[in-house]
Amino acid sequence: LPPEQALVGIKKGMASKFCTQICLVKQDYVADGEQTVEQYLASVAKEIGAPITVKRFARLQLGA
């Protein structure tokens, strides 16, 4: 790959990784770890037949 294309790919990869670490819906769903929060919400929404929207959340942290 030419250097410009390589840099574009690196930037996209870094942005994607950043989003999965920072964005709540892109993070792993803690209860099972098999799917993201987004995937879990979609499955529950399909199950109940109504859309689900995250309006707020609480961040919990163990330790210091």
PDB file of N, CA and C in Angstrom:
ATOM      1  N   LEU A   1       0.838  -1.200   0.000  1.00  0.00           N
ATOM      2  CA  LEU A   1       0.000   0.000   0.000  1.00  0.00           C
ATOM      3  C   LEU A   1       0.872   1.249   0.000  1.00  0.00           C
ATOM      4  N   PRO A   2       0.440   2.257  -0.729  1.00  0.00           N
ATOM      5  CA  PRO A   2       1.138   3.532  -0.652  1.00  0.00           C
ATOM      6  C   PRO A   2       0.998   4.102   0.762  1.00  0.00           C
ATOM      7  N   PRO A   3       1.961   4.896   1.194  1.00  0.00           N
ATOM      8  CA  PRO A   3       1.940   5.439   2.555  1.00  0.00           C
ATOM      9  C   PRO A   3       0.646   6.176   2.914  1.00  0.00           C
ATOM     10  N   GLU A   4       0.069   6.899   1.954  1.00  0.00           N
ATOM     11  CA  GLU A   4      -1.165   7.642   2.249  1.00  0.00           C
ATOM     12  C   GLU A   4      -2.308   6.685   2.583  1.00  0.00           C
ATOM     13  N   GLN A   5      -2.436   5.611   1.810  1.00  0.00           N
ATOM     14  CA  GLN A   5      -3.499   4.630   2.050  1.00  0.00           C
ATOM     15  C   GLN A   5      -3.275   3.900   3.373  1.00  0.00           C
ATOM     16  N   ALA A   6      -2.029   3.619   3.678  1.00  0.00           N
ATOM     17  CA  ALA A   6      -1.715   2.957   4.942  1.00  0.00           C
ATOM     18  C   ALA A   6      -2.105   3.849   6.115  1.00  0.00           C
ATOM     19  N   LEU A   7      -1.816   5.135   6.016  1.00  0.00           N
ATOM     20  CA  LEU A   7      -2.177   6.071   7.086  1.00  0.00           C
ATOM     21  C   LEU A   7      -3.687   6.175   7.246  1.00  0.00           C
ATOM     22  N   VAL A   8      -4.414   6.177   6.139  1.00  0.00           N
ATOM     23  CA  VAL A   8      -5.877   6.227   6.202  1.00  0.00           C
ATOM     24  C   VAL A   8      -6.398   4.981   6.921  1.00  0.00           C
ATOM     25  N   GLY A   9      -5.857   3.831   6.585  1.00  0.00           N
ATOM     26  CA  GLY A   9      -6.269   2.585   7.236  1.00  0.00           C
ATOM     27  C   GLY A   9      -5.954   2.585   8.721  1.00  0.00           C
ATOM     28  N   ILE A  10      -4.788   3.088   9.076  1.00  0.00           N
ATOM     29  CA  ILE A  10      -4.392   3.173  10.484  1.00  0.00           C
ATOM     30  C   ILE A  10      -5.324   4.108  11.242  1.00  0.00           C
ATOM     31  N   LYS A  11      -5.635   5.254  10.647  1.00  0.00           N
ATOM     32  CA  LYS A  11      -6.534   6.216  11.300  1.00  0.00           C
ATOM     33  C   LYS A  11      -7.924   5.623  11.497  1.00  0.00           C
ATOM     34  N   LYS A  12      -8.434   4.909  10.492  1.00  0.00           N
ATOM     35  CA  LYS A  12      -9.755   4.276  10.616  1.00  0.00           C
ATOM     36  C   LYS A  12      -9.745   3.235  11.730  1.00  0.00           C
ATOM     37  N   GLY A  13      -8.689   2.453  11.786  1.00  0.00           N
ATOM     38  CA  GLY A  13      -8.574   1.435  12.835  1.00  0.00           C
ATOM     39  C   GLY A  13      -8.503   2.047  14.221  1.00  0.00           C
ATOM     40  N   MET A  14      -7.748   3.133  14.352  1.00  0.00           N
ATOM     41  CA  MET A  14      -7.633   3.811  15.643  1.00  0.00           C
ATOM     42  C   MET A  14      -8.965   4.421  16.057  1.00  0.00           C
ATOM     43  N   ALA A  15      -9.681   5.016  15.115  1.00  0.00           N
ATOM     44  CA  ALA A  15     -10.983   5.622  15.415  1.00  0.00           C
ATOM     45  C   ALA A  15     -11.980   4.545  15.825  1.00  0.00           C
ATOM     46  N   SER A  16     -11.948   3.417  15.147  1.00  0.00           N
ATOM     47  CA  SER A  16     -12.857   2.320  15.470  1.00  0.00           C
ATOM     48  C   SER A  16     -12.577   1.771  16.865  1.00  0.00           C
ATOM     49  N   LYS A  17     -11.313   1.587  17.190  1.00  0.00           N
ATOM     50  CA  LYS A  17     -10.939   1.085  18.512  1.00  0.00           C
ATOM     51  C   LYS A  17     -11.337   2.079  19.595  1.00  0.00           C
ATOM     52  N   PHE A  18     -11.112   3.363  19.343  1.00  0.00           N
ATOM     53  CA  PHE A  18     -11.483   4.410  20.294  1.00  0.00           C
ATOM     54  C   PHE A  18     -12.983   4.375  20.549  1.00  0.00           C
ATOM     55  N   CYS A  19     -13.761   4.246  19.496  1.00  0.00           N
ATOM     56  CA  CYS A  19     -15.220   4.223  19.623  1.00  0.00           C
ATOM     57  C   CYS A  19     -15.680   3.018  20.436  1.00  0.00           C
ATOM     58  N   THR A  20     -15.075   1.850  20.228  1.00  0.00           N
ATOM     59  CA  THR A  20     -15.488   0.659  20.976  1.00  0.00           C
ATOM     60  C   THR A  20     -15.129   0.774  22.448  1.00  0.00           C
ATOM     61  N   GLN A  21     -14.132   1.574  22.782  1.00  0.00           N
ATOM     62  CA  GLN A  21     -13.754   1.755  24.179  1.00  0.00           C
ATOM     63  C   GLN A  21     -14.578   2.843  24.859  1.00  0.00           C
ATOM     64  N   ILE A  22     -14.992   3.859  24.124  1.00  0.00           N
ATOM     65  CA  ILE A  22     -15.646   5.028  24.701  1.00  0.00           C
ATOM     66  C   ILE A  22     -17.166   4.979  24.571  1.00  0.00           C
ATOM     67  N   CYS A  23     -17.678   4.577  23.442  1.00  0.00           N
ATOM     68  CA  CYS A  23     -19.126   4.592  23.190  1.00  0.00           C
ATOM     69  C   CYS A  23     -19.810   3.442  23.928  1.00  0.00           C
ATOM     70  N   LEU A  24     -20.795   3.754  24.744  1.00  0.00           N
ATOM     71  CA  LEU A  24     -21.485   2.736  25.540  1.00  0.00           C
ATOM     72  C   LEU A  24     -22.044   1.612  24.677  1.00  0.00           C
ATOM     73  N   VAL A  25     -22.752   1.948  23.630  1.00  0.00           N
ATOM     74  CA  VAL A  25     -23.422   0.908  22.837  1.00  0.00           C
ATOM     75  C   VAL A  25     -22.447   0.038  22.050  1.00  0.00           C
ATOM     76  N   LYS A  26     -21.221   0.460  21.899  1.00  0.00           N
ATOM     77  CA  LYS A  26     -20.219  -0.340  21.189  1.00  0.00           C
ATOM     78  C   LYS A  26     -19.418  -1.232  22.134  1.00  0.00           C
ATOM     79  N   GLN A  27     -19.584  -1.040  23.447  1.00  0.00           N
ATOM     80  CA  GLN A  27     -18.843  -1.829  24.427  1.00  0.00           C
ATOM     81  C   GLN A  27     -19.481  -3.198  24.606  1.00  0.00           C
ATOM     82  N   ASP A  28     -18.706  -4.131  25.156  1.00  0.00           N
ATOM     83  CA  ASP A  28     -19.235  -5.462  25.430  1.00  0.00           C
ATOM     84  C   ASP A  28     -20.332  -5.375  26.479  1.00  0.00           C
ATOM     85  N   TYR A  29     -21.374  -6.163  26.283  1.00  0.00           N
ATOM     86  CA  TYR A  29     -22.452  -6.259  27.265  1.00  0.00           C
ATOM     87  C   TYR A  29     -21.923  -7.114  28.411  1.00  0.00           C
ATOM     88  N   VAL A  30     -21.832  -6.530  29.596  1.00  0.00           N
ATOM     89  CA  VAL A  30     -21.149  -7.148  30.725  1.00  0.00           C
ATOM     90  C   VAL A  30     -21.779  -8.469  31.160  1.00  0.00           C
ATOM     91  N   ALA A  31     -23.078  -8.598  31.069  1.00  0.00           N
ATOM     92  CA  ALA A  31     -23.759  -9.793  31.571  1.00  0.00           C
ATOM     93  C   ALA A  31     -23.347 -11.072  30.843  1.00  0.00           C
ATOM     94  N   ASP A  32     -22.965 -10.969  29.570  1.00  0.00           N
ATOM     95  CA  ASP A  32     -22.563 -12.191  28.868  1.00  0.00           C
ATOM     96  C   ASP A  32     -21.231 -12.070  28.133  1.00  0.00           C
ATOM     97  N   GLY A  33     -20.825 -10.885  27.742  1.00  0.00           N
ATOM     98  CA  GLY A  33     -19.553 -10.704  27.054  1.00  0.00           C
ATOM     99  C   GLY A  33     -19.514 -11.236  25.635  1.00  0.00           C
ATOM    100  N   GLU A  34     -20.605 -11.830  25.184  1.00  0.00           N
ATOM    101  CA  GLU A  34     -20.668 -12.402  23.842  1.00  0.00           C
ATOM    102  C   GLU A  34     -21.116 -11.390  22.795  1.00  0.00           C
ATOM    103  N   GLN A  35     -21.775 -10.328  23.227  1.00  0.00           N
ATOM    104  CA  GLN A  35     -22.320  -9.346  22.296  1.00  0.00           C
ATOM    105  C   GLN A  35     -22.111  -7.943  22.854  1.00  0.00           C
ATOM    106  N   THR A  36     -22.291  -6.962  21.992  1.00  0.00           N
ATOM    107  CA  THR A  36     -22.175  -5.577  22.435  1.00  0.00           C
ATOM    108  C   THR A  36     -23.501  -5.123  23.044  1.00  0.00           C
ATOM    109  N   VAL A  37     -23.464  -3.992  23.720  1.00  0.00           N
ATOM    110  CA  VAL A  37     -24.683  -3.414  24.284  1.00  0.00           C
ATOM    111  C   VAL A  37     -25.678  -3.160  23.158  1.00  0.00           C
ATOM    112  N   GLU A  38     -25.189  -2.664  22.035  1.00  0.00           N
ATOM    113  CA  GLU A  38     -26.041  -2.384  20.878  1.00  0.00           C
ATOM    114  C   GLU A  38     -26.752  -3.652  20.393  1.00  0.00           C
ATOM    115  N   GLN A  39     -26.026  -4.742  20.298  1.00  0.00           N
ATOM    116  CA  GLN A  39     -26.611  -6.008  19.857  1.00  0.00           C
ATOM    117  C   GLN A  39     -27.631  -6.524  20.867  1.00  0.00           C
ATOM    118  N   TYR A  40     -27.312  -6.388  22.151  1.00  0.00           N
ATOM    119  CA  TYR A  40     -28.243  -6.831  23.187  1.00  0.00           C
ATOM    120  C   TYR A  40     -29.539  -6.028  23.129  1.00  0.00           C
ATOM    121  N   LEU A  41     -29.420  -4.705  23.020  1.00  0.00           N
ATOM    122  CA  LEU A  41     -30.610  -3.859  22.943  1.00  0.00           C
ATOM    123  C   LEU A  41     -31.452  -4.205  21.717  1.00  0.00           C
ATOM    124  N   ALA A  42     -30.796  -4.475  20.601  1.00  0.00           N
ATOM    125  CA  ALA A  42     -31.524  -4.843  19.381  1.00  0.00           C
ATOM    126  C   ALA A  42     -32.271  -6.159  19.568  1.00  0.00           C
ATOM    127  N   SER A  43     -31.646  -7.116  20.240  1.00  0.00           N
ATOM    128  CA  SER A  43     -32.313  -8.407  20.448  1.00  0.00           C
ATOM    129  C   SER A  43     -33.504  -8.272  21.391  1.00  0.00           C
ATOM    130  N   VAL A  44     -33.367  -7.458  22.432  1.00  0.00           N
ATOM    131  CA  VAL A  44     -34.485  -7.246  23.357  1.00  0.00           C
ATOM    132  C   VAL A  44     -35.600  -6.477  22.660  1.00  0.00           C
ATOM    133  N   ALA A  45     -35.244  -5.476  21.864  1.00  0.00           N
ATOM    134  CA  ALA A  45     -36.248  -4.699  21.131  1.00  0.00           C
ATOM    135  C   ALA A  45     -37.036  -5.602  20.186  1.00  0.00           C
ATOM    136  N   LYS A  46     -36.341  -6.514  19.526  1.00  0.00           N
ATOM    137  CA  LYS A  46     -37.015  -7.455  18.621  1.00  0.00           C
ATOM    138  C   LYS A  46     -37.938  -8.383  19.410  1.00  0.00           C
ATOM    139  N   GLU A  47     -37.459  -8.809  20.569  1.00  0.00           N
ATOM    140  CA  GLU A  47     -38.231  -9.729  21.411  1.00  0.00           C
ATOM    141  C   GLU A  47     -39.527  -9.092  21.920  1.00  0.00           C
ATOM    142  N   ILE A  48     -39.452  -7.821  22.323  1.00  0.00           N
ATOM    143  CA  ILE A  48     -40.642  -7.162  22.865  1.00  0.00           C
ATOM    144  C   ILE A  48     -41.453  -6.441  21.797  1.00  0.00           C
ATOM    145  N   GLY A  49     -40.869  -6.290  20.620  1.00  0.00           N
ATOM    146  CA  GLY A  49     -41.584  -5.661  19.514  1.00  0.00           C
ATOM    147  C   GLY A  49     -41.694  -4.156  19.614  1.00  0.00           C
ATOM    148  N   ALA A  50     -40.734  -3.531  20.286  1.00  0.00           N
ATOM    149  CA  ALA A  50     -40.734  -2.070  20.430  1.00  0.00           C
ATOM    150  C   ALA A  50     -39.293  -1.576  20.445  1.00  0.00           C
ATOM    151  N   PRO A  51     -39.060  -0.378  19.924  1.00  0.00           N
ATOM    152  CA  PRO A  51     -37.697   0.159  19.929  1.00  0.00           C
ATOM    153  C   PRO A  51     -37.231   0.500  21.348  1.00  0.00           C
ATOM    154  N   ILE A  52     -35.932   0.391  21.575  1.00  0.00           N
ATOM    155  CA  ILE A  52     -35.333   0.727  22.866  1.00  0.00           C
ATOM    156  C   ILE A  52     -34.306   1.825  22.638  1.00  0.00           C
ATOM    157  N   THR A  53     -34.345   2.843  23.484  1.00  0.00           N
ATOM    158  CA  THR A  53     -33.394   3.947  23.404  1.00  0.00           C
ATOM    159  C   THR A  53     -32.728   4.134  24.760  1.00  0.00           C
ATOM    160  N   VAL A  54     -31.413   4.293  24.770  1.00  0.00           N
ATOM    161  CA  VAL A  54     -30.698   4.596  26.010  1.00  0.00           C
ATOM    162  C   VAL A  54     -30.791   6.096  26.223  1.00  0.00           C
ATOM    163  N   LYS A  55     -31.439   6.492  27.304  1.00  0.00           N
ATOM    164  CA  LYS A  55     -31.582   7.918  27.596  1.00  0.00           C
ATOM    165  C   LYS A  55     -30.538   8.387  28.598  1.00  0.00           C
ATOM    166  N   ARG A  56     -30.147   7.503  29.515  1.00  0.00           N
ATOM    167  CA  ARG A  56     -29.076   7.822  30.454  1.00  0.00           C
ATOM    168  C   ARG A  56     -28.554   6.517  31.036  1.00  0.00           C
ATOM    169  N   PHE A  57     -27.411   6.589  31.671  1.00  0.00           N
ATOM    170  CA  PHE A  57     -26.822   5.411  32.280  1.00  0.00           C
ATOM    171  C   PHE A  57     -25.951   5.849  33.445  1.00  0.00           C
ATOM    172  N   ALA A  58     -25.630   4.918  34.307  1.00  0.00           N
ATOM    173  CA  ALA A  58     -24.752   5.177  35.446  1.00  0.00           C
ATOM    174  C   ALA A  58     -23.463   4.403  35.236  1.00  0.00           C
ATOM    175  N   ARG A  59     -22.360   5.035  35.523  1.00  0.00           N
ATOM    176  CA  ARG A  59     -21.055   4.385  35.381  1.00  0.00           C
ATOM    177  C   ARG A  59     -20.600   3.935  36.760  1.00  0.00           C
ATOM    178  N   LEU A  60     -20.311   2.651  36.901  1.00  0.00           N
ATOM    179  CA  LEU A  60     -19.845   2.096  38.159  1.00  0.00           C
ATOM    180  C   LEU A  60     -18.397   1.679  38.003  1.00  0.00           C
ATOM    181  N   GLN A  61     -17.620   1.867  39.068  1.00  0.00           N
ATOM    182  CA  GLN A  61     -16.205   1.517  39.007  1.00  0.00           C
ATOM    183  C   GLN A  61     -15.812   0.836  40.303  1.00  0.00           C
ATOM    184  N   LEU A  62     -15.103  -0.270  40.192  1.00  0.00           N
ATOM    185  CA  LEU A  62     -14.593  -0.966  41.358  1.00  0.00           C
ATOM    186  C   LEU A  62     -13.148  -0.575  41.585  1.00  0.00           C
ATOM    187  N   GLY A  63     -12.736  -0.477  42.827  1.00  0.00           N
ATOM    188  CA  GLY A  63     -11.355  -0.143  43.138  1.00  0.00           C
ATOM    189  C   GLY A  63     -11.069   1.328  42.959  1.00  0.00           C
ATOM    190  N   ALA A  64      -9.783   1.633  42.945  1.00  0.00           N
ATOM    191  CA  ALA A  64      -9.378   3.045  42.870  1.00  0.00           C
ATOM    192  C   ALA A  64      -9.212   3.532  41.484  1.00  0.00           C
TER     193      ALA A  64
END
